[in-house]
PDB file of N, CA and C in Angstrom:
ATOM      1  N   MET A   1    -154.719 -96.797 160.762  1.00  0.00           N
ATOM      2  CA  MET A   1    -154.537 -95.731 159.826  1.00  0.00           C
ATOM      3  C   MET A   1    -153.125 -94.995 160.071  1.00  0.00           C
ATOM      4  N   ARG A   2    -152.459 -94.365 159.272  1.00  0.00           N
ATOM      5  CA  ARG A   2    -151.253 -93.696 159.437  1.00  0.00           C
ATOM      6  C   ARG A   2    -151.603 -92.338 159.369  1.00  0.00           C
ATOM      7  N   ILE A   3    -151.089 -91.496 160.210  1.00  0.00           N
ATOM      8  CA  ILE A   3    -151.036 -89.973 160.108  1.00  0.00           C
ATOM      9  C   ILE A   3    -150.359 -89.516 158.915  1.00  0.00           C
ATOM     10  N   GLU A   4    -149.256 -89.929 158.488  1.00  0.00           N
ATOM     11  CA  GLU A   4    -148.518 -89.674 157.327  1.00  0.00           C
ATOM     12  C   GLU A   4    -149.328 -89.770 155.958  1.00  0.00           C
ATOM     13  N   ALA A   5    -150.376 -90.565 156.016  1.00  0.00           N
ATOM     14  CA  ALA A   5    -151.197 -90.913 154.779  1.00  0.00           C
ATOM     15  C   ALA A   5    -151.900 -89.753 154.678  1.00  0.00           C
ATOM     16  N   TYR A   6    -152.793 -89.249 155.748  1.00  0.00           N
ATOM     17  CA  TYR A   6    -153.486 -87.951 155.747  1.00  0.00           C
ATOM     18  C   TYR A   6    -152.932 -86.799 155.001  1.00  0.00           C
ATOM     19  N   THR A   7    -151.537 -86.762 155.424  1.00  0.00           N
ATOM     20  CA  THR A   7    -150.795 -85.329 154.965  1.00  0.00           C
ATOM     21  C   THR A   7    -150.657 -85.461 153.451  1.00  0.00           C
ATOM     22  N   GLN A   8    -150.452 -86.861 152.780  1.00  0.00           N
ATOM     23  CA  GLN A   8    -150.255 -87.192 151.723  1.00  0.00           C
ATOM     24  C   GLN A   8    -151.427 -86.789 150.910  1.00  0.00           C
ATOM     25  N   VAL A   9    -152.716 -87.148 151.448  1.00  0.00           N
ATOM     26  CA  VAL A   9    -154.003 -87.096 150.745  1.00  0.00           C
ATOM     27  C   VAL A   9    -154.185 -85.577 150.605  1.00  0.00           C
ATOM     28  N   ALA A  10    -154.164 -84.731 151.820  1.00  0.00           N
ATOM     29  CA  ALA A  10    -154.122 -83.354 151.764  1.00  0.00           C
ATOM     30  C   ALA A  10    -153.282 -82.602 150.742  1.00  0.00           C
ATOM     31  N   GLN A  11    -151.821 -83.106 150.500  1.00  0.00           N
ATOM     32  CA  GLN A  11    -151.443 -82.565 149.452  1.00  0.00           C
ATOM     33  C   GLN A  11    -151.765 -82.707 147.977  1.00  0.00           C
ATOM     34  N   LEU A  12    -152.481 -84.016 147.816  1.00  0.00           N
ATOM     35  CA  LEU A  12    -152.994 -84.182 146.510  1.00  0.00           C
ATOM     36  C   LEU A  12    -154.206 -83.395 146.313  1.00  0.00           C
ATOM     37  N   TYR A  13    -155.187 -83.071 147.258  1.00  0.00           N
ATOM     38  CA  TYR A  13    -156.083 -82.289 147.104  1.00  0.00           C
ATOM     39  C   TYR A  13    -155.790 -80.728 147.318  1.00  0.00           C
ATOM     40  N   LYS A  14    -154.686 -80.531 147.710  1.00  0.00           N
ATOM     41  CA  LYS A  14    -154.239 -79.161 148.249  1.00  0.00           C
ATOM     42  C   LYS A  14    -155.267 -78.401 149.185  1.00  0.00           C
ATOM     43  N   THR A  15    -155.835 -79.038 150.117  1.00  0.00           N
ATOM     44  CA  THR A  15    -156.612 -78.676 151.089  1.00  0.00           C
ATOM     45  C   THR A  15    -156.002 -77.491 152.002  1.00  0.00           C
ATOM     46  N   ASN A  16    -154.710 -77.641 152.230  1.00  0.00           N
ATOM     47  CA  ASN A  16    -153.817 -76.565 152.908  1.00  0.00           C
ATOM     48  C   ASN A  16    -154.036 -75.334 152.450  1.00  0.00           C
ATOM     49  N   ASN A  17    -154.052 -75.049 151.275  1.00  0.00           N
ATOM     50  CA  ASN A  17    -154.219 -73.838 150.531  1.00  0.00           C
ATOM     51  C   ASN A  17    -155.602 -73.204 150.753  1.00  0.00           C
ATOM     52  N   THR A  18    -155.653 -71.957 151.394  1.00  0.00           N
ATOM     53  CA  THR A  18    -156.972 -71.588 151.441  1.00  0.00           C
ATOM     54  C   THR A  18    -157.055 -70.213 150.505  1.00  0.00           C
ATOM     55  N   SER A  19    -158.195 -70.273 149.705  1.00  0.00           N
ATOM     56  CA  SER A  19    -158.422 -69.367 148.691  1.00  0.00           C
ATOM     57  C   SER A  19    -159.254 -68.262 149.279  1.00  0.00           C
ATOM     58  N   LYS A  20    -159.106 -66.845 148.989  1.00  0.00           N
ATOM     59  CA  LYS A  20    -159.775 -65.823 149.361  1.00  0.00           C
ATOM     60  C   LYS A  20    -161.322 -65.907 148.361  1.00  0.00           C
ATOM     61  N   ALA A  21    -162.194 -65.406 149.198  1.00  0.00           N
ATOM     62  CA  ALA A  21    -163.379 -65.342 148.131  1.00  0.00           C
ATOM     63  C   ALA A  21    -163.320 -64.031 147.465  1.00  0.00           C
ATOM     64  N   GLN A  22    -163.823 -64.097 146.274  1.00  0.00           N
ATOM     65  CA  GLN A  22    -163.726 -62.906 145.509  1.00  0.00           C
ATOM     66  C   GLN A  22    -165.000 -62.042 145.473  1.00  0.00           C
ATOM     67  N   ALA A  23    -164.788 -60.768 145.673  1.00  0.00           N
ATOM     68  CA  ALA A  23    -165.843 -59.815 145.678  1.00  0.00           C
ATOM     69  C   ALA A  23    -166.639 -59.669 144.382  1.00  0.00           C
ATOM     70  N   THR A  24    -167.842 -59.671 144.578  1.00  0.00           N
ATOM     71  CA  THR A  24    -168.676 -59.430 143.350  1.00  0.00           C
ATOM     72  C   THR A  24    -168.988 -57.880 143.365  1.00  0.00           C
ATOM     73  N   SER A  25    -168.912 -57.163 142.193  1.00  0.00           N
ATOM     74  CA  SER A  25    -169.421 -55.828 142.198  1.00  0.00           C
ATOM     75  C   SER A  25    -170.824 -55.804 141.860  1.00  0.00           C
ATOM     76  N   ASN A  26    -171.593 -56.841 141.251  1.00  0.00           N
ATOM     77  CA  ASN A  26    -172.945 -56.567 140.883  1.00  0.00           C
ATOM     78  C   ASN A  26    -173.877 -56.986 141.836  1.00  0.00           C
ATOM     79  N   VAL A  27    -173.388 -57.350 143.254  1.00  0.00           N
ATOM     80  CA  VAL A  27    -174.462 -57.689 144.205  1.00  0.00           C
ATOM     81  C   VAL A  27    -175.315 -56.445 144.714  1.00  0.00           C
ATOM     82  N   ALA A  28    -174.663 -55.359 144.660  1.00  0.00           N
ATOM     83  CA  ALA A  28    -175.378 -54.068 145.027  1.00  0.00           C
ATOM     84  C   ALA A  28    -176.217 -53.711 144.045  1.00  0.00           C
ATOM     85  N   ALA A  29    -175.932 -53.811 142.700  1.00  0.00           N
ATOM     86  CA  ALA A  29    -176.851 -53.485 141.678  1.00  0.00           C
ATOM     87  C   ALA A  29    -177.855 -54.307 141.377  1.00  0.00           C
ATOM     88  N   ALA A  30    -177.880 -55.662 142.013  1.00  0.00           N
ATOM     89  CA  ALA A  30    -179.108 -56.439 141.643  1.00  0.00           C
ATOM     90  C   ALA A  30    -180.159 -56.089 142.598  1.00  0.00           C
ATOM     91  N   ARG A  31    -181.578 -56.308 141.973  1.00  0.00           N
ATOM     92  CA  ARG A  31    -182.736 -55.917 142.464  1.00  0.00           C
ATOM     93  C   ARG A  31    -183.805 -56.923 142.213  1.00  0.00           C
ATOM     94  N   ASP A  32    -184.478 -57.299 143.227  1.00  0.00           N
ATOM     95  CA  ASP A  32    -185.648 -58.251 143.048  1.00  0.00           C
ATOM     96  C   ASP A  32    -186.972 -57.567 142.248  1.00  0.00           C
ATOM     97  N   GLU A  33    -187.440 -58.213 141.451  1.00  0.00           N
ATOM     98  CA  GLU A  33    -188.631 -57.758 140.673  1.00  0.00           C
ATOM     99  C   GLU A  33    -189.808 -58.578 140.732  1.00  0.00           C
ATOM    100  N   VAL A  34    -190.969 -57.934 140.576  1.00  0.00           N
ATOM    101  CA  VAL A  34    -192.055 -59.000 140.645  1.00  0.00           C
ATOM    102  C   VAL A  34    -192.959 -58.218 139.382  1.00  0.00           C
ATOM    103  N   GLN A  35    -193.508 -59.261 138.562  1.00  0.00           N
ATOM    104  CA  GLN A  35    -194.241 -58.863 137.459  1.00  0.00           C
ATOM    105  C   GLN A  35    -195.478 -59.611 137.407  1.00  0.00           C
ATOM    106  N   LEU A  36    -196.661 -58.698 137.528  1.00  0.00           N
ATOM    107  CA  LEU A  36    -197.823 -59.406 137.562  1.00  0.00           C
ATOM    108  C   LEU A  36    -198.446 -59.631 136.080  1.00  0.00           C
ATOM    109  N   SER A  37    -199.324 -60.564 135.883  1.00  0.00           N
ATOM    110  CA  SER A  37    -200.077 -60.773 134.608  1.00  0.00           C
ATOM    111  C   SER A  37    -201.058 -59.860 134.655  1.00  0.00           C
ATOM    112  N   SER A  38    -201.756 -59.874 133.398  1.00  0.00           N
ATOM    113  CA  SER A  38    -203.053 -59.097 133.118  1.00  0.00           C
ATOM    114  C   SER A  38    -204.075 -59.456 134.067  1.00  0.00           C
ATOM    115  N   PHE A  39    -204.139 -60.815 134.308  1.00  0.00           N
ATOM    116  CA  PHE A  39    -204.960 -61.581 134.980  1.00  0.00           C
ATOM    117  C   PHE A  39    -205.168 -60.959 136.539  1.00  0.00           C
ATOM    118  N   GLY A  40    -203.618 -60.951 137.088  1.00  0.00           N
ATOM    119  CA  GLY A  40    -203.269 -60.478 138.236  1.00  0.00           C
ATOM    120  C   GLY A  40    -203.615 -58.834 138.697  1.00  0.00           C
ATOM    121  N   ARG A  41    -203.425 -58.248 137.555  1.00  0.00           N
ATOM    122  CA  ARG A  41    -203.653 -56.882 137.509  1.00  0.00           C
ATOM    123  C   ARG A  41    -205.296 -56.616 137.509  1.00  0.00           C
ATOM    124  N   ASP A  42    -206.022 -57.381 136.757  1.00  0.00           N
ATOM    125  CA  ASP A  42    -207.352 -57.015 136.740  1.00  0.00           C
ATOM    126  C   ASP A  42    -208.072 -57.635 138.054  1.00  0.00           C
ATOM    127  N   TYR A  43    -207.558 -58.515 138.534  1.00  0.00           N
ATOM    128  CA  TYR A  43    -208.089 -59.173 139.939  1.00  0.00           C
ATOM    129  C   TYR A  43    -207.667 -58.049 140.957  1.00  0.00           C
ATOM    130  N   GLN A  44    -206.570 -57.349 141.105  1.00  0.00           N
ATOM    131  CA  GLN A  44    -206.283 -56.206 141.980  1.00  0.00           C
ATOM    132  C   GLN A  44    -207.293 -55.107 141.851  1.00  0.00           C
ATOM    133  N   ILE A  45    -207.593 -54.825 140.612  1.00  0.00           N
ATOM    134  CA  ILE A  45    -208.463 -53.693 140.292  1.00  0.00           C
ATOM    135  C   ILE A  45    -209.950 -54.118 140.991  1.00  0.00           C
ATOM    136  N   ALA A  46    -210.276 -55.163 140.695  1.00  0.00           N
ATOM    137  CA  ALA A  46    -211.491 -55.736 140.948  1.00  0.00           C
ATOM    138  C   ALA A  46    -211.553 -55.868 142.638  1.00  0.00           C
ATOM    139  N   LYS A  47    -210.727 -56.392 143.324  1.00  0.00           N
ATOM    140  CA  LYS A  47    -210.668 -56.327 144.786  1.00  0.00           C
ATOM    141  C   LYS A  47    -210.516 -54.959 145.197  1.00  0.00           C
ATOM    142  N   LYS A  48    -209.824 -54.072 144.489  1.00  0.00           N
ATOM    143  CA  LYS A  48    -209.941 -52.544 145.042  1.00  0.00           C
ATOM    144  C   LYS A  48    -211.151 -52.163 145.129  1.00  0.00           C
ATOM    145  N   ALA A  49    -211.851 -52.505 144.172  1.00  0.00           N
ATOM    146  CA  ALA A  49    -213.419 -51.933 143.726  1.00  0.00           C
ATOM    147  C   ALA A  49    -214.263 -52.495 144.884  1.00  0.00           C
ATOM    148  N   VAL A  50    -214.370 -53.422 145.065  1.00  0.00           N
ATOM    149  CA  VAL A  50    -215.127 -54.240 146.011  1.00  0.00           C
ATOM    150  C   VAL A  50    -214.776 -53.565 147.405  1.00  0.00           C
ATOM    151  N   ALA A  51    -213.671 -53.601 147.721  1.00  0.00           N
ATOM    152  CA  ALA A  51    -213.235 -53.091 149.141  1.00  0.00           C
ATOM    153  C   ALA A  51    -213.747 -51.652 149.269  1.00  0.00           C
ATOM    154  N   GLU A  52    -213.753 -50.860 148.201  1.00  0.00           N
ATOM    155  CA  GLU A  52    -214.299 -49.471 148.684  1.00  0.00           C
ATOM    156  C   GLU A  52    -215.657 -49.174 148.121  1.00  0.00           C
ATOM    157  N   ALA A  53    -216.250 -50.365 147.900  1.00  0.00           N
ATOM    158  CA  ALA A  53    -217.877 -50.152 147.704  1.00  0.00           C
ATOM    159  C   ALA A  53    -218.387 -50.428 149.057  1.00  0.00           C
ATOM    160  N   SER A  54    -219.626 -49.721 149.152  1.00  0.00           N
ATOM    161  CA  SER A  54    -220.480 -49.636 150.531  1.00  0.00           C
ATOM    162  C   SER A  54    -221.129 -51.034 150.872  1.00  0.00           C
ATOM    163  N   ASP A  55    -221.283 -51.627 151.881  1.00  0.00           N
ATOM    164  CA  ASP A  55    -221.955 -52.877 152.089  1.00  0.00           C
ATOM    165  C   ASP A  55    -223.578 -52.443 152.061  1.00  0.00           C
ATOM    166  N   ILE A  56    -223.866 -51.338 152.396  1.00  0.00           N
ATOM    167  CA  ILE A  56    -225.116 -50.724 152.523  1.00  0.00           C
ATOM    168  C   ILE A  56    -225.502 -50.148 151.269  1.00  0.00           C
ATOM    169  N   ARG A  57    -226.880 -50.673 150.648  1.00  0.00           N
ATOM    170  CA  ARG A  57    -227.579 -50.327 149.367  1.00  0.00           C
ATOM    171  C   ARG A  57    -228.260 -48.996 149.919  1.00  0.00           C
ATOM    172  N   GLU A  58    -227.777 -47.785 149.747  1.00  0.00           N
ATOM    173  CA  GLU A  58    -228.405 -46.677 150.122  1.00  0.00           C
ATOM    174  C   GLU A  58    -229.907 -46.404 149.563  1.00  0.00           C
ATOM    175  N   ASP A  59    -230.177 -46.802 148.086  1.00  0.00           N
ATOM    176  CA  ASP A  59    -231.342 -46.618 147.350  1.00  0.00           C
ATOM    177  C   ASP A  59    -232.284 -47.507 148.001  1.00  0.00           C
ATOM    178  N   LYS A  60    -231.892 -48.673 148.461  1.00  0.00           N
ATOM    179  CA  LYS A  60    -233.001 -49.761 149.202  1.00  0.00           C
ATOM    180  C   LYS A  60    -233.271 -49.065 150.624  1.00  0.00           C
ATOM    181  N   VAL A  61    -232.328 -48.444 151.229  1.00  0.00           N
ATOM    182  CA  VAL A  61    -232.798 -48.063 152.539  1.00  0.00           C
ATOM    183  C   VAL A  61    -233.485 -47.026 152.427  1.00  0.00           C
ATOM    184  N   ALA A  62    -233.330 -46.062 151.555  1.00  0.00           N
ATOM    185  CA  ALA A  62    -234.088 -44.781 151.272  1.00  0.00           C
ATOM    186  C   ALA A  62    -235.368 -45.063 150.777  1.00  0.00           C
ATOM    187  N   GLU A  63    -235.750 -46.115 149.929  1.00  0.00           N
ATOM    188  CA  GLU A  63    -237.096 -46.777 149.880  1.00  0.00           C
ATOM    189  C   GLU A  63    -237.708 -47.127 150.795  1.00  0.00           C
ATOM    190  N   MET A  64    -237.153 -48.115 151.779  1.00  0.00           N
ATOM    191  CA  MET A  64    -237.670 -48.827 152.846  1.00  0.00           C
ATOM    192  C   MET A  64    -238.113 -47.673 153.833  1.00  0.00           C
ATOM    193  N   LYS A  65    -237.250 -46.659 154.190  1.00  0.00           N
ATOM    194  CA  LYS A  65    -237.528 -45.524 154.905  1.00  0.00           C
ATOM    195  C   LYS A  65    -238.782 -44.741 154.731  1.00  0.00           C
ATOM    196  N   GLN A  66    -238.951 -44.569 153.363  1.00  0.00           N
ATOM    197  CA  GLN A  66    -239.958 -43.717 152.641  1.00  0.00           C
ATOM    198  C   GLN A  66    -241.429 -44.559 152.812  1.00  0.00           C
ATOM    199  N   LYS A  67    -241.278 -45.981 152.734  1.00  0.00           N
ATOM    200  CA  LYS A  67    -242.507 -46.705 152.849  1.00  0.00           C
ATOM    201  C   LYS A  67    -242.758 -46.805 154.324  1.00  0.00           C
ATOM    202  N   LEU A  68    -241.866 -46.961 155.191  1.00  0.00           N
ATOM    203  CA  LEU A  68    -242.331 -47.071 156.669  1.00  0.00           C
ATOM    204  C   LEU A  68    -242.832 -45.693 157.140  1.00  0.00           C
ATOM    205  N   ALA A  69    -242.122 -44.439 156.627  1.00  0.00           N
ATOM    206  CA  ALA A  69    -242.706 -43.313 156.972  1.00  0.00           C
ATOM    207  C   ALA A  69    -244.180 -42.929 156.689  1.00  0.00           C
ATOM    208  N   SER A  70    -244.528 -43.354 155.494  1.00  0.00           N
ATOM    209  CA  SER A  70    -245.785 -43.460 155.114  1.00  0.00           C
ATOM    210  C   SER A  70    -246.897 -44.386 155.081  1.00  0.00           C
ATOM    211  N   ASP A  71    -246.275 -45.201 156.153  1.00  0.00           N
ATOM    212  CA  ASP A  71    -247.349 -46.324 156.666  1.00  0.00           C
ATOM    213  C   ASP A  71    -247.648 -47.452 155.453  1.00  0.00           C
ATOM    214  N   ASN A  72    -246.901 -47.250 154.255  1.00  0.00           N
ATOM    215  CA  ASN A  72    -247.388 -48.045 153.029  1.00  0.00           C
ATOM    216  C   ASN A  72    -246.412 -49.236 152.928  1.00  0.00           C
ATOM    217  N   TYR A  73    -245.961 -49.758 153.992  1.00  0.00           N
ATOM    218  CA  TYR A  73    -244.877 -51.054 153.953  1.00  0.00           C
ATOM    219  C   TYR A  73    -245.711 -51.950 154.226  1.00  0.00           C
ATOM    220  N   GLN A  74    -245.915 -53.184 153.303  1.00  0.00           N
ATOM    221  CA  GLN A  74    -246.727 -54.114 153.508  1.00  0.00           C
ATOM    222  C   GLN A  74    -245.822 -55.524 153.377  1.00  0.00           C
ATOM    223  N   VAL A  75    -245.922 -56.440 154.407  1.00  0.00           N
ATOM    224  CA  VAL A  75    -245.216 -57.559 154.287  1.00  0.00           C
ATOM    225  C   VAL A  75    -245.982 -58.905 153.778  1.00  0.00           C
ATOM    226  N   ASP A  76    -245.305 -59.602 152.966  1.00  0.00           N
ATOM    227  CA  ASP A  76    -246.180 -60.875 152.470  1.00  0.00           C
ATOM    228  C   ASP A  76    -245.819 -61.919 153.507  1.00  0.00           C
ATOM    229  N   THR A  77    -246.743 -62.232 154.338  1.00  0.00           N
ATOM    230  CA  THR A  77    -246.569 -63.236 155.227  1.00  0.00           C
ATOM    231  C   THR A  77    -246.069 -64.590 154.721  1.00  0.00           C
ATOM    232  N   GLY A  78    -246.639 -64.985 153.454  1.00  0.00           N
ATOM    233  CA  GLY A  78    -246.118 -66.256 152.963  1.00  0.00           C
ATOM    234  C   GLY A  78    -244.583 -66.143 152.351  1.00  0.00           C
ATOM    235  N   ASP A  79    -244.397 -65.146 151.955  1.00  0.00           N
ATOM    236  CA  ASP A  79    -242.861 -64.806 151.426  1.00  0.00           C
ATOM    237  C   ASP A  79    -242.105 -64.706 152.643  1.00  0.00           C
ATOM    238  N   PHE A  80    -242.526 -64.193 153.902  1.00  0.00           N
ATOM    239  CA  PHE A  80    -241.608 -63.920 155.006  1.00  0.00           C
ATOM    240  C   PHE A  80    -241.305 -65.500 155.579  1.00  0.00           C
ATOM    241  N   ALA A  81    -242.577 -66.334 155.747  1.00  0.00           N
ATOM    242  CA  ALA A  81    -242.437 -67.454 156.181  1.00  0.00           C
ATOM    243  C   ALA A  81    -241.571 -68.498 155.543  1.00  0.00           C
ATOM    244  N   SER A  82    -241.760 -68.375 154.034  1.00  0.00           N
ATOM    245  CA  SER A  82    -240.775 -69.172 153.209  1.00  0.00           C
ATOM    246  C   SER A  82    -239.364 -68.968 153.542  1.00  0.00           C
ATOM    247  N   LYS A  83    -239.037 -67.457 153.483  1.00  0.00           N
ATOM    248  CA  LYS A  83    -237.644 -67.166 153.895  1.00  0.00           C
ATOM    249  C   LYS A  83    -237.157 -67.546 155.363  1.00  0.00           C
ATOM    250  N   LEU A  84    -238.043 -67.444 156.288  1.00  0.00           N
ATOM    251  CA  LEU A  84    -237.651 -68.063 157.428  1.00  0.00           C
ATOM    252  C   LEU A  84    -237.399 -69.545 157.555  1.00  0.00           C
ATOM    253  N   LEU A  85    -238.122 -70.233 156.924  1.00  0.00           N
ATOM    254  CA  LEU A  85    -238.032 -71.829 156.889  1.00  0.00           C
ATOM    255  C   LEU A  85    -236.562 -72.092 156.051  1.00  0.00           C
ATOM    256  N   GLU A  86    -236.324 -71.245 154.949  1.00  0.00           N
ATOM    257  CA  GLU A  86    -235.054 -71.596 154.203  1.00  0.00           C
ATOM    258  C   GLU A  86    -233.938 -71.400 155.204  1.00  0.00           C
ATOM    259  N   LYS A  87    -234.019 -70.252 155.976  1.00  0.00           N
ATOM    260  CA  LYS A  87    -232.854 -69.900 156.784  1.00  0.00           C
ATOM    261  C   LYS A  87    -232.764 -70.866 158.101  1.00  0.00           C
ATOM    262  N   TYR A  88    -233.827 -71.489 158.514  1.00  0.00           N
ATOM    263  CA  TYR A  88    -233.694 -72.471 159.382  1.00  0.00           C
ATOM    264  C   TYR A  88    -233.327 -73.669 159.086  1.00  0.00           C
ATOM    265  N   ASN A  89    -233.719 -74.126 157.732  1.00  0.00           N
ATOM    266  CA  ASN A  89    -233.089 -75.356 157.418  1.00  0.00           C
ATOM    267  C   ASN A  89    -231.654 -75.311 157.135  1.00  0.00           C
ATOM    268  N   ALA A  90    -231.128 -74.151 156.474  1.00  0.00           N
ATOM    269  CA  ALA A  90    -229.835 -73.949 156.233  1.00  0.00           C
ATOM    270  C   ALA A  90    -229.071 -74.068 157.452  1.00  0.00           C
ATOM    271  N   ALA A  91    -229.550 -73.448 158.576  1.00  0.00           N
ATOM    272  CA  ALA A  91    -228.840 -73.592 159.821  1.00  0.00           C
ATOM    273  C   ALA A  91    -228.853 -75.030 160.438  1.00  0.00           C
ATOM    274  N   ILE A  92    -229.688 -75.785 160.028  1.00  0.00           N
ATOM    275  CA  ILE A  92    -229.702 -77.241 160.794  1.00  0.00           C
ATOM    276  C   ILE A  92    -228.881 -78.051 160.028  1.00  0.00           C
ATOM    277  N   LEU A  93    -228.824 -77.932 158.590  1.00  0.00           N
ATOM    278  CA  LEU A  93    -227.648 -78.744 157.868  1.00  0.00           C
ATOM    279  C   LEU A  93    -226.432 -78.150 158.047  1.00  0.00           C
TER     280      LEU A  93
END
């Protein structure tokens, strides 16, 4: 390979000339934008409502406290046993 051939190729493609990058004036004005669909907005509203809701059902707690205080709370042993077995079977599987 000849070195002279490289300079001839460089002259053909004009690689010796360096060009300066042009500054763009719109770069500072450009902004990123996010647009949510109506489904996305509804989802965010529902998620916020669930996050703000209490995990404790105050009406049920008050009812149970009243029954316990008045010695009026009755436990159905058959219902209790079936729920216990249901939880046990779910834990095994």
